[in-house]
Amino acid sequence: MFKPVRYEQGSVVEMQTGTSTTITKYDALVVSSGYVQRAVHTDTEIRFIALEDVTTGGTGAHSAILCLRTDGIQFEADCTHDSAQSQVGTKVDLTDHDHLDNDSASTDYTFLIEALSGATTNKKVLGSFVMKTA
């Protein structure tokens, strides 16, 4: 889960989901063929976070979903491993649509860890998504 900590309502947009899609509030989303879908571990740029749960039907079905633009927003992010102070200032990859892989060497540099959130065993960090230029 990627829970926004501070944001303004102007950052909220309505997007369309792909077909046969289940999205949960606070999932990381990417755009594919003009529709949002849950991010996977190989995605390198997360531009949107879901602000509601939506399930879309099969062939040809699309649903509107409220999303938060990620640029300039700090998030509290769930990690797959205990957090550590040594991770602050590092960029990490996604594990999937709702977790960071904070224990492996990064190849995609998707999320910048800016601080720990609570005890290291909480597996939570504060940070922001890295915006790419290409």
N, C-alpha and C. Protein backbone atom coordinates (compact mmCIF):
# COMPACT_ATOMS: atom_id res chain seq x y z
N MET A 1 0.85 -1.17 0.00
CA MET A 1 0.00 0.00 0.00
C MET A 1 0.89 1.23 0.00
N PHE A 2 0.53 2.22 -0.79
CA PHE A 2 1.23 3.49 -0.85
C PHE A 2 0.24 4.57 -0.42
N LYS A 3 0.30 4.95 0.85
CA LYS A 3 -0.65 5.89 1.42
C LYS A 3 -0.10 7.31 1.34
N PRO A 4 -0.79 8.23 0.66
CA PRO A 4 -0.30 9.60 0.57
C PRO A 4 -0.33 10.27 1.93
N VAL A 5 0.73 11.03 2.22
CA VAL A 5 0.83 11.71 3.50
C VAL A 5 0.32 13.14 3.37
N ARG A 6 0.76 13.87 2.33
CA ARG A 6 0.31 15.24 2.11
C ARG A 6 0.04 15.42 0.62
N TYR A 7 -1.14 15.95 0.30
CA TYR A 7 -1.44 16.26 -1.09
C TYR A 7 -2.61 17.22 -1.15
N GLU A 8 -2.77 17.86 -2.31
CA GLU A 8 -3.88 18.79 -2.53
C GLU A 8 -4.89 18.16 -3.46
N GLN A 9 -6.14 18.52 -3.33
CA GLN A 9 -7.19 17.95 -4.16
C GLN A 9 -6.95 18.15 -5.66
N GLY A 10 -6.19 19.17 -6.06
CA GLY A 10 -5.90 19.41 -7.46
C GLY A 10 -5.07 18.30 -8.08
N SER A 11 -4.52 17.43 -7.26
CA SER A 11 -3.71 16.31 -7.74
C SER A 11 -4.56 15.09 -8.07
N VAL A 12 -5.87 15.16 -7.85
CA VAL A 12 -6.77 14.04 -8.07
C VAL A 12 -7.33 14.12 -9.50
N VAL A 13 -7.22 13.00 -10.22
CA VAL A 13 -7.73 12.92 -11.59
C VAL A 13 -8.57 11.67 -11.74
N GLU A 14 -9.45 11.68 -12.73
CA GLU A 14 -10.24 10.49 -13.03
C GLU A 14 -9.64 9.81 -14.26
N MET A 15 -9.35 8.53 -14.14
CA MET A 15 -8.77 7.75 -15.23
C MET A 15 -9.73 6.60 -15.56
N GLN A 16 -9.43 5.88 -16.61
CA GLN A 16 -10.21 4.70 -17.00
C GLN A 16 -9.37 3.45 -16.76
N THR A 17 -10.02 2.40 -16.24
CA THR A 17 -9.33 1.13 -15.99
C THR A 17 -9.35 0.26 -17.23
N GLY A 18 -8.42 -0.67 -17.28
CA GLY A 18 -8.43 -1.68 -18.33
C GLY A 18 -9.51 -2.71 -18.05
N THR A 19 -9.72 -3.62 -18.98
CA THR A 19 -10.72 -4.67 -18.81
C THR A 19 -10.19 -5.75 -17.85
N SER A 20 -11.11 -6.46 -17.23
CA SER A 20 -10.78 -7.55 -16.30
C SER A 20 -9.72 -7.13 -15.28
N THR A 21 -9.97 -6.01 -14.62
CA THR A 21 -9.00 -5.42 -13.70
C THR A 21 -9.61 -5.28 -12.31
N THR A 22 -8.81 -5.63 -11.30
CA THR A 22 -9.19 -5.36 -9.91
C THR A 22 -8.13 -4.45 -9.32
N ILE A 23 -8.56 -3.28 -8.87
CA ILE A 23 -7.66 -2.30 -8.28
C ILE A 23 -8.17 -1.98 -6.88
N THR A 24 -7.25 -1.92 -5.93
CA THR A 24 -7.57 -1.62 -4.54
C THR A 24 -7.03 -0.23 -4.19
N LYS A 25 -7.74 0.47 -3.33
CA LYS A 25 -7.32 1.79 -2.87
C LYS A 25 -5.85 1.75 -2.45
N TYR A 26 -5.08 2.72 -2.92
CA TYR A 26 -3.66 2.92 -2.65
C TYR A 26 -2.74 1.99 -3.45
N ASP A 27 -3.25 1.26 -4.43
CA ASP A 27 -2.38 0.50 -5.33
C ASP A 27 -1.61 1.46 -6.22
N ALA A 28 -0.37 1.10 -6.55
CA ALA A 28 0.43 1.83 -7.54
C ALA A 28 -0.09 1.46 -8.92
N LEU A 29 -0.25 2.48 -9.77
CA LEU A 29 -0.82 2.26 -11.10
C LEU A 29 0.11 2.75 -12.20
N VAL A 30 0.04 2.07 -13.34
CA VAL A 30 0.73 2.51 -14.55
C VAL A 30 -0.32 2.60 -15.66
N VAL A 31 0.03 3.32 -16.72
CA VAL A 31 -0.87 3.46 -17.86
C VAL A 31 -0.37 2.55 -18.98
N SER A 32 -1.29 1.75 -19.51
CA SER A 32 -0.99 0.88 -20.64
C SER A 32 -2.11 1.01 -21.65
N SER A 33 -1.76 1.37 -22.87
CA SER A 33 -2.74 1.57 -23.95
C SER A 33 -3.85 2.54 -23.56
N GLY A 34 -3.50 3.52 -22.73
CA GLY A 34 -4.45 4.56 -22.34
C GLY A 34 -5.29 4.24 -21.10
N TYR A 35 -5.11 3.07 -20.52
CA TYR A 35 -5.88 2.66 -19.34
C TYR A 35 -4.95 2.38 -18.17
N VAL A 36 -5.41 2.66 -16.94
CA VAL A 36 -4.59 2.36 -15.76
C VAL A 36 -4.77 0.90 -15.36
N GLN A 37 -3.68 0.36 -14.84
CA GLN A 37 -3.68 -0.99 -14.30
C GLN A 37 -2.68 -1.05 -13.16
N ARG A 38 -2.78 -2.08 -12.33
CA ARG A 38 -1.86 -2.21 -11.21
C ARG A 38 -0.43 -2.39 -11.71
N ALA A 39 0.50 -1.76 -11.02
CA ALA A 39 1.91 -1.87 -11.37
C ALA A 39 2.43 -3.26 -11.02
N VAL A 40 3.50 -3.64 -11.69
CA VAL A 40 4.21 -4.90 -11.40
C VAL A 40 5.66 -4.56 -11.08
N HIS A 41 6.41 -5.55 -10.64
CA HIS A 41 7.77 -5.31 -10.14
C HIS A 41 8.72 -4.74 -11.18
N THR A 42 8.45 -4.89 -12.45
CA THR A 42 9.34 -4.35 -13.47
C THR A 42 8.99 -2.93 -13.92
N ASP A 43 7.90 -2.38 -13.42
CA ASP A 43 7.53 -1.01 -13.80
C ASP A 43 8.51 -0.03 -13.16
N THR A 44 8.91 0.96 -13.95
CA THR A 44 9.95 1.88 -13.49
C THR A 44 9.43 3.26 -13.12
N GLU A 45 8.22 3.59 -13.53
CA GLU A 45 7.69 4.92 -13.25
C GLU A 45 6.22 4.84 -12.86
N ILE A 46 5.94 5.25 -11.64
CA ILE A 46 4.58 5.22 -11.11
C ILE A 46 4.05 6.65 -11.11
N ARG A 47 3.06 6.91 -11.96
CA ARG A 47 2.50 8.26 -12.08
C ARG A 47 1.21 8.43 -11.29
N PHE A 48 0.54 7.32 -10.92
CA PHE A 48 -0.75 7.40 -10.24
C PHE A 48 -0.87 6.38 -9.12
N ILE A 49 -1.65 6.75 -8.09
CA ILE A 49 -2.04 5.86 -6.99
C ILE A 49 -3.56 5.86 -6.95
N ALA A 50 -4.15 4.67 -6.83
CA ALA A 50 -5.62 4.55 -6.77
C ALA A 50 -6.15 5.15 -5.48
N LEU A 51 -7.26 5.88 -5.59
CA LEU A 51 -7.90 6.46 -4.41
C LEU A 51 -9.20 5.75 -4.06
N GLU A 52 -9.49 4.67 -4.78
CA GLU A 52 -10.70 3.89 -4.49
C GLU A 52 -10.53 2.48 -5.05
N ASP A 53 -11.41 1.58 -4.61
CA ASP A 53 -11.44 0.22 -5.12
C ASP A 53 -12.32 0.17 -6.36
N VAL A 54 -11.84 -0.52 -7.40
CA VAL A 54 -12.63 -0.69 -8.62
C VAL A 54 -12.36 -2.08 -9.20
N THR A 55 -13.42 -2.75 -9.59
CA THR A 55 -13.29 -4.01 -10.33
C THR A 55 -14.00 -3.83 -11.66
N THR A 56 -13.29 -4.14 -12.73
CA THR A 56 -13.81 -3.96 -14.08
C THR A 56 -14.11 -5.32 -14.69
N GLY A 57 -15.22 -5.40 -15.42
CA GLY A 57 -15.63 -6.65 -16.05
C GLY A 57 -14.72 -7.05 -17.20
N GLY A 58 -15.17 -8.02 -17.98
CA GLY A 58 -14.39 -8.60 -19.07
C GLY A 58 -14.35 -7.75 -20.32
N THR A 59 -14.20 -8.38 -21.45
CA THR A 59 -13.96 -7.77 -22.75
C THR A 59 -14.74 -6.49 -22.98
N GLY A 60 -14.01 -5.41 -23.26
CA GLY A 60 -14.61 -4.13 -23.60
C GLY A 60 -15.11 -3.31 -22.43
N ALA A 61 -15.04 -3.85 -21.21
CA ALA A 61 -15.53 -3.11 -20.04
C ALA A 61 -14.42 -2.24 -19.47
N HIS A 62 -14.76 -1.00 -19.15
CA HIS A 62 -13.84 -0.07 -18.52
C HIS A 62 -14.61 0.68 -17.44
N SER A 63 -13.92 1.09 -16.39
CA SER A 63 -14.56 1.83 -15.31
C SER A 63 -13.74 3.06 -14.98
N ALA A 64 -14.42 4.10 -14.53
CA ALA A 64 -13.73 5.30 -14.06
C ALA A 64 -13.17 5.03 -12.67
N ILE A 65 -12.00 5.59 -12.40
CA ILE A 65 -11.39 5.45 -11.08
C ILE A 65 -10.69 6.76 -10.72
N LEU A 66 -10.85 7.20 -9.48
CA LEU A 66 -10.14 8.39 -9.01
C LEU A 66 -8.71 8.00 -8.65
N CYS A 67 -7.76 8.80 -9.14
CA CYS A 67 -6.35 8.53 -8.93
C CYS A 67 -5.66 9.79 -8.44
N LEU A 68 -4.57 9.59 -7.73
CA LEU A 68 -3.74 10.69 -7.26
C LEU A 68 -2.46 10.71 -8.08
N ARG A 69 -2.13 11.86 -8.65
CA ARG A 69 -0.84 12.01 -9.34
C ARG A 69 0.26 11.91 -8.29
N THR A 70 1.33 11.22 -8.61
CA THR A 70 2.38 10.97 -7.61
C THR A 70 3.46 12.05 -7.56
N ASP A 71 3.60 12.86 -8.60
CA ASP A 71 4.69 13.83 -8.62
C ASP A 71 4.53 14.86 -7.50
N GLY A 72 5.59 15.02 -6.72
CA GLY A 72 5.60 15.98 -5.63
C GLY A 72 4.88 15.54 -4.37
N ILE A 73 4.46 14.30 -4.30
CA ILE A 73 3.70 13.79 -3.14
C ILE A 73 4.59 12.83 -2.33
N GLN A 74 4.56 12.97 -1.02
CA GLN A 74 5.25 12.02 -0.15
C GLN A 74 4.28 10.92 0.23
N PHE A 75 4.79 9.68 0.28
CA PHE A 75 3.97 8.51 0.60
C PHE A 75 4.58 7.73 1.76
N GLU A 76 3.70 7.09 2.53
CA GLU A 76 4.13 6.06 3.46
C GLU A 76 3.96 4.76 2.71
N ALA A 77 5.05 4.02 2.54
CA ALA A 77 5.02 2.82 1.71
C ALA A 77 5.31 1.56 2.52
N ASP A 78 4.58 0.50 2.20
CA ASP A 78 4.83 -0.81 2.78
C ASP A 78 6.02 -1.45 2.07
N CYS A 79 6.86 -2.13 2.84
CA CYS A 79 8.04 -2.81 2.30
C CYS A 79 7.92 -4.31 2.54
N THR A 80 8.66 -5.08 1.77
CA THR A 80 8.63 -6.53 1.94
C THR A 80 9.57 -7.00 3.04
N HIS A 81 10.49 -6.13 3.48
CA HIS A 81 11.46 -6.49 4.51
C HIS A 81 11.51 -5.39 5.57
N ASP A 82 12.10 -5.70 6.72
CA ASP A 82 12.28 -4.69 7.75
C ASP A 82 13.03 -3.50 7.16
N SER A 83 12.67 -2.31 7.60
CA SER A 83 13.37 -1.12 7.14
C SER A 83 14.65 -0.93 7.97
N ALA A 84 15.56 -0.11 7.44
CA ALA A 84 16.82 0.18 8.15
C ALA A 84 17.24 1.60 7.84
N GLN A 85 17.87 2.25 8.79
CA GLN A 85 18.32 3.62 8.59
C GLN A 85 19.25 3.74 7.38
N SER A 86 20.01 2.70 7.10
CA SER A 86 20.94 2.72 5.96
C SER A 86 20.21 2.80 4.61
N GLN A 87 18.90 2.55 4.59
CA GLN A 87 18.13 2.62 3.36
C GLN A 87 17.71 4.06 3.02
N VAL A 88 17.75 4.96 3.99
CA VAL A 88 17.38 6.35 3.76
C VAL A 88 18.33 6.95 2.73
N GLY A 89 17.76 7.60 1.72
CA GLY A 89 18.56 8.18 0.66
C GLY A 89 18.81 7.25 -0.51
N THR A 90 18.31 6.02 -0.43
CA THR A 90 18.49 5.07 -1.53
C THR A 90 17.21 4.96 -2.35
N LYS A 91 17.37 4.53 -3.60
CA LYS A 91 16.23 4.29 -4.48
C LYS A 91 16.04 2.79 -4.59
N VAL A 92 14.77 2.36 -4.49
CA VAL A 92 14.46 0.93 -4.50
C VAL A 92 13.41 0.62 -5.57
N ASP A 93 13.24 -0.66 -5.85
CA ASP A 93 12.28 -1.14 -6.84
C ASP A 93 10.96 -1.51 -6.18
N LEU A 94 9.96 -1.74 -7.00
CA LEU A 94 8.70 -2.29 -6.53
C LEU A 94 8.84 -3.80 -6.37
N THR A 95 8.12 -4.35 -5.41
CA THR A 95 7.92 -5.80 -5.35
C THR A 95 6.70 -6.14 -6.20
N ASP A 96 5.69 -5.30 -6.06
CA ASP A 96 4.43 -5.44 -6.82
C ASP A 96 3.67 -4.13 -6.70
N HIS A 97 2.37 -4.15 -6.92
CA HIS A 97 1.53 -2.95 -6.90
C HIS A 97 1.36 -2.31 -5.53
N ASP A 98 1.77 -2.98 -4.46
CA ASP A 98 1.54 -2.40 -3.15
C ASP A 98 2.70 -2.53 -2.16
N HIS A 99 3.87 -2.92 -2.64
CA HIS A 99 5.04 -3.06 -1.76
C HIS A 99 6.32 -2.65 -2.48
N LEU A 100 7.30 -2.22 -1.67
CA LEU A 100 8.64 -1.93 -2.17
C LEU A 100 9.56 -3.09 -1.83
N ASP A 101 10.53 -3.34 -2.70
CA ASP A 101 11.57 -4.33 -2.43
C ASP A 101 12.76 -3.57 -1.86
N ASN A 102 12.79 -3.44 -0.55
CA ASN A 102 13.81 -2.63 0.11
C ASN A 102 15.01 -3.44 0.57
N ASP A 103 15.17 -4.66 0.08
CA ASP A 103 16.26 -5.51 0.54
C ASP A 103 17.15 -6.02 -0.58
N SER A 104 16.81 -5.73 -1.84
CA SER A 104 17.60 -6.21 -2.96
C SER A 104 18.25 -5.04 -3.69
N ALA A 105 19.28 -5.34 -4.46
CA ALA A 105 19.91 -4.30 -5.27
C ALA A 105 18.88 -3.75 -6.26
N SER A 106 18.80 -2.45 -6.36
CA SER A 106 17.81 -1.81 -7.23
C SER A 106 18.29 -1.81 -8.68
N THR A 107 17.35 -2.06 -9.58
CA THR A 107 17.65 -1.97 -11.01
C THR A 107 16.76 -0.93 -11.69
N ASP A 108 15.59 -0.66 -11.10
CA ASP A 108 14.64 0.26 -11.70
C ASP A 108 14.60 1.63 -11.02
N TYR A 109 15.06 1.72 -9.77
CA TYR A 109 15.15 2.98 -9.04
C TYR A 109 13.81 3.74 -9.05
N THR A 110 12.77 3.07 -8.60
CA THR A 110 11.41 3.57 -8.70
C THR A 110 11.00 4.50 -7.56
N PHE A 111 11.51 4.25 -6.35
CA PHE A 111 11.04 4.97 -5.15
C PHE A 111 12.24 5.41 -4.33
N LEU A 112 12.26 6.68 -3.92
CA LEU A 112 13.33 7.21 -3.08
C LEU A 112 12.89 7.17 -1.62
N ILE A 113 13.62 6.44 -0.80
CA ILE A 113 13.33 6.37 0.64
C ILE A 113 13.91 7.62 1.30
N GLU A 114 13.04 8.39 1.98
CA GLU A 114 13.44 9.65 2.60
C GLU A 114 13.52 9.55 4.13
N ALA A 115 12.79 8.60 4.71
CA ALA A 115 12.79 8.43 6.17
C ALA A 115 12.12 7.11 6.51
N LEU A 116 12.35 6.64 7.73
CA LEU A 116 11.64 5.46 8.22
C LEU A 116 10.33 5.91 8.83
N SER A 117 9.36 5.02 8.86
CA SER A 117 8.07 5.32 9.47
C SER A 117 7.82 4.31 10.58
N GLY A 118 8.07 4.71 11.79
CA GLY A 118 7.88 3.82 12.93
C GLY A 118 9.06 2.88 13.12
N ALA A 119 8.81 1.80 13.86
CA ALA A 119 9.86 0.81 14.13
C ALA A 119 10.28 0.11 12.85
N THR A 120 11.52 -0.32 12.80
CA THR A 120 12.03 -0.99 11.60
C THR A 120 11.22 -2.25 11.27
N THR A 121 10.67 -2.90 12.29
CA THR A 121 9.88 -4.11 12.07
C THR A 121 8.49 -3.81 11.50
N ASN A 122 8.10 -2.51 11.46
CA ASN A 122 6.82 -2.13 10.84
C ASN A 122 6.87 -2.28 9.33
N LYS A 123 8.11 -2.33 8.78
CA LYS A 123 8.29 -2.47 7.33
C LYS A 123 7.63 -1.33 6.57
N LYS A 124 7.80 -0.10 7.06
CA LYS A 124 7.22 1.08 6.41
C LYS A 124 8.28 2.17 6.29
N VAL A 125 8.23 2.88 5.17
CA VAL A 125 9.13 4.00 4.94
C VAL A 125 8.34 5.18 4.38
N LEU A 126 8.93 6.37 4.46
CA LEU A 126 8.38 7.56 3.83
C LEU A 126 9.26 7.91 2.65
N GLY A 127 8.64 8.35 1.57
CA GLY A 127 9.43 8.73 0.41
C GLY A 127 8.56 9.14 -0.75
N SER A 128 9.19 9.18 -1.92
CA SER A 128 8.48 9.63 -3.11
C SER A 128 8.89 8.81 -4.32
N PHE A 129 7.99 8.78 -5.29
CA PHE A 129 8.28 8.07 -6.53
C PHE A 129 9.22 8.91 -7.39
N VAL A 130 10.15 8.25 -8.05
CA VAL A 130 11.13 8.91 -8.89
C VAL A 130 10.52 9.12 -10.26
N MET A 131 10.50 10.40 -10.69
CA MET A 131 9.98 10.71 -12.02
C MET A 131 11.12 10.64 -13.03
N LYS A 132 10.92 9.90 -14.08
CA LYS A 132 11.93 9.73 -15.12
C LYS A 132 11.77 10.83 -16.18
N THR A 133 12.83 11.09 -16.91
CA THR A 133 12.77 12.09 -17.97
C THR A 133 12.60 11.46 -19.34
N ALA A 134 12.75 10.16 -19.43
CA ALA A 134 12.59 9.49 -20.73
C ALA A 134 11.65 8.30 -20.59
